[in-house]
Amino acid sequence: IAKCGKEAYEQYKQHHPDIILTDINMPNLDGLSLISKIREEDTKTKIIIISAHSEQEKLLKAIELNLVTYLIKPIKTDMLKKVIFELVEV
């Protein structure tokens, strides 16, 4: 768990998780910028992004970042479980 995008990136560098679940709006470094930094060196980590907005510009940018999915808030628990279980099975 990270309080901001900068902290999330530091945790990523330290732990190299297999799956990342991030919000699109975060202080210090937004979710799309965080993912862009990660994708500069890592194309294998599975990333799920969450947003309260379905803005077309952000959705298109997210597609370019090789995400697993883009979930719109409020997130349904069943949908999140399904996505995560599918990732674990791959």
C-alpha atoms as a PDB file:
ATOM      1  CA  ILE A   1       0.000   0.000   0.000  1.00  0.00           C
ATOM      2  CA  ALA A   2       1.309   3.427  -0.928  1.00  0.00           C
ATOM      3  CA  LYS A   3       0.053   6.902  -0.040  1.00  0.00           C
ATOM      4  CA  CYS A   4       1.157   8.504  -3.312  1.00  0.00           C
ATOM      5  CA  GLY A   5       2.572   7.643  -6.722  1.00  0.00           C
ATOM      6  CA  LYS A   6       6.148   8.405  -5.706  1.00  0.00           C
ATOM      7  CA  GLU A   7       5.901   6.025  -2.750  1.00  0.00           C
ATOM      8  CA  ALA A   8       4.265   3.419  -4.993  1.00  0.00           C
ATOM      9  CA  TYR A   9       7.197   3.595  -7.412  1.00  0.00           C
ATOM     10  CA  GLU A  10       9.705   3.186  -4.570  1.00  0.00           C
ATOM     11  CA  GLN A  11       7.797   0.132  -3.330  1.00  0.00           C
ATOM     12  CA  TYR A  12       7.708  -1.264  -6.861  1.00  0.00           C
ATOM     13  CA  LYS A  13      11.497  -0.875  -7.147  1.00  0.00           C
ATOM     14  CA  GLN A  14      12.005  -2.601  -3.804  1.00  0.00           C
ATOM     15  CA  HIS A  15       9.526  -5.489  -4.132  1.00  0.00           C
ATOM     16  CA  HIS A  16       8.955  -6.020  -7.901  1.00  0.00           C
ATOM     17  CA  PRO A  17       5.383  -7.340  -7.477  1.00  0.00           C
ATOM     18  CA  ASP A  18       3.754  -9.587 -10.071  1.00  0.00           C
ATOM     19  CA  ILE A  19       0.503  -7.572  -9.992  1.00  0.00           C
ATOM     20  CA  ILE A  20      -0.063  -3.859  -9.359  1.00  0.00           C
ATOM     21  CA  LEU A  21      -3.445  -2.319  -8.574  1.00  0.00           C
ATOM     22  CA  THR A  22      -3.282   1.481  -8.818  1.00  0.00           C
ATOM     23  CA  ASP A  23      -5.584   4.452  -8.900  1.00  0.00           C
ATOM     24  CA  ILE A  24      -5.294   6.866 -11.792  1.00  0.00           C
ATOM     25  CA  ASN A  25      -5.366   9.943  -9.511  1.00  0.00           C
ATOM     26  CA  MET A  26      -2.679  10.041  -6.838  1.00  0.00           C
ATOM     27  CA  PRO A  27      -0.579  12.822  -5.321  1.00  0.00           C
ATOM     28  CA  ASN A  28       3.044  13.409  -6.403  1.00  0.00           C
ATOM     29  CA  LEU A  29       2.887  11.023  -9.379  1.00  0.00           C
ATOM     30  CA  ASP A  30      -0.403  10.079 -11.037  1.00  0.00           C
ATOM     31  CA  GLY A  31      -1.221   6.492 -11.946  1.00  0.00           C
ATOM     32  CA  LEU A  32      -0.516   6.862 -15.678  1.00  0.00           C
ATOM     33  CA  SER A  33       2.889   8.459 -14.992  1.00  0.00           C
ATOM     34  CA  LEU A  34       3.680   5.720 -12.474  1.00  0.00           C
ATOM     35  CA  ILE A  35       2.850   3.031 -15.012  1.00  0.00           C
ATOM     36  CA  SER A  36       4.861   4.809 -17.705  1.00  0.00           C
ATOM     37  CA  LYS A  37       7.923   4.784 -15.433  1.00  0.00           C
ATOM     38  CA  ILE A  38       7.441   1.095 -14.677  1.00  0.00           C
ATOM     39  CA  ARG A  39       6.942   0.237 -18.362  1.00  0.00           C
ATOM     40  CA  GLU A  40      10.284   1.853 -19.262  1.00  0.00           C
ATOM     41  CA  GLU A  41      11.987  -1.226 -17.830  1.00  0.00           C
ATOM     42  CA  ASP A  42       9.246  -3.753 -17.099  1.00  0.00           C
ATOM     43  CA  THR A  43       6.638  -5.008 -19.552  1.00  0.00           C
ATOM     44  CA  LYS A  44       5.772  -8.181 -17.653  1.00  0.00           C
ATOM     45  CA  THR A  45       4.227  -6.926 -14.408  1.00  0.00           C
ATOM     46  CA  LYS A  46       0.445  -7.119 -14.649  1.00  0.00           C
ATOM     47  CA  ILE A  47      -1.183  -3.748 -13.938  1.00  0.00           C
ATOM     48  CA  ILE A  48      -4.812  -2.935 -13.178  1.00  0.00           C
ATOM     49  CA  ILE A  49      -5.781   0.725 -13.039  1.00  0.00           C
ATOM     50  CA  ILE A  50      -8.779   2.136 -11.193  1.00  0.00           C
ATOM     51  CA  SER A  51     -10.549   5.426 -11.846  1.00  0.00           C
ATOM     52  CA  ALA A  52     -13.722   7.217 -10.927  1.00  0.00           C
ATOM     53  CA  HIS A  53     -13.677   8.691 -14.427  1.00  0.00           C
ATOM     54  CA  SER A  54     -13.994   7.172 -17.853  1.00  0.00           C
ATOM     55  CA  GLU A  55     -12.348  10.069 -19.695  1.00  0.00           C
ATOM     56  CA  GLN A  56     -11.537   9.038 -23.242  1.00  0.00           C
ATOM     57  CA  GLU A  57      -8.078  10.660 -23.251  1.00  0.00           C
ATOM     58  CA  LYS A  58      -7.011   8.788 -20.122  1.00  0.00           C
ATOM     59  CA  LEU A  59      -8.482   5.525 -21.395  1.00  0.00           C
ATOM     60  CA  LEU A  60      -6.532   5.828 -24.653  1.00  0.00           C
ATOM     61  CA  LYS A  61      -3.304   6.620 -22.794  1.00  0.00           C
ATOM     62  CA  ALA A  62      -3.906   3.616 -20.528  1.00  0.00           C
ATOM     63  CA  ILE A  63      -4.301   1.302 -23.528  1.00  0.00           C
ATOM     64  CA  GLU A  64      -0.818   2.268 -24.707  1.00  0.00           C
ATOM     65  CA  LEU A  65       0.632   1.179 -21.345  1.00  0.00           C
ATOM     66  CA  ASN A  66      -0.225  -2.499 -21.775  1.00  0.00           C
ATOM     67  CA  LEU A  67      -2.634  -2.742 -18.843  1.00  0.00           C
ATOM     68  CA  VAL A  68      -4.606  -5.801 -17.872  1.00  0.00           C
ATOM     69  CA  THR A  69      -7.763  -3.742 -17.450  1.00  0.00           C
ATOM     70  CA  TYR A  70      -9.139  -0.339 -16.531  1.00  0.00           C
ATOM     71  CA  LEU A  71     -11.794  -0.546 -13.816  1.00  0.00           C
ATOM     72  CA  ILE A  72     -14.270   2.263 -13.191  1.00  0.00           C
ATOM     73  CA  LYS A  73     -15.266   3.064  -9.590  1.00  0.00           C
ATOM     74  CA  PRO A  74     -17.225   1.948  -7.743  1.00  0.00           C
ATOM     75  CA  ILE A  75     -15.549  -1.393  -8.258  1.00  0.00           C
ATOM     76  CA  LYS A  76     -17.614  -4.507  -7.907  1.00  0.00           C
ATOM     77  CA  THR A  77     -15.808  -7.030  -5.718  1.00  0.00           C
ATOM     78  CA  ASP A  78     -16.780  -9.925  -7.969  1.00  0.00           C
ATOM     79  CA  MET A  79     -15.257  -8.196 -11.010  1.00  0.00           C
ATOM     80  CA  LEU A  80     -11.994  -7.439  -9.203  1.00  0.00           C
ATOM     81  CA  LYS A  81     -11.762 -11.031  -7.933  1.00  0.00           C
ATOM     82  CA  LYS A  82     -12.394 -12.368 -11.428  1.00  0.00           C
ATOM     83  CA  VAL A  83      -9.641 -10.218 -12.939  1.00  0.00           C
ATOM     84  CA  ILE A  84      -7.124 -11.130 -10.234  1.00  0.00           C
ATOM     85  CA  PHE A  85      -7.917 -14.853 -10.387  1.00  0.00           C
ATOM     86  CA  GLU A  86      -7.496 -14.783 -14.169  1.00  0.00           C
ATOM     87  CA  LEU A  87      -4.064 -13.192 -13.736  1.00  0.00           C
ATOM     88  CA  VAL A  88      -2.970 -15.756 -11.181  1.00  0.00           C
ATOM     89  CA  GLU A  89      -4.018 -18.620 -13.473  1.00  0.00           C
ATOM     90  CA  VAL A  90      -1.959 -17.310 -16.407  1.00  0.00           C
END
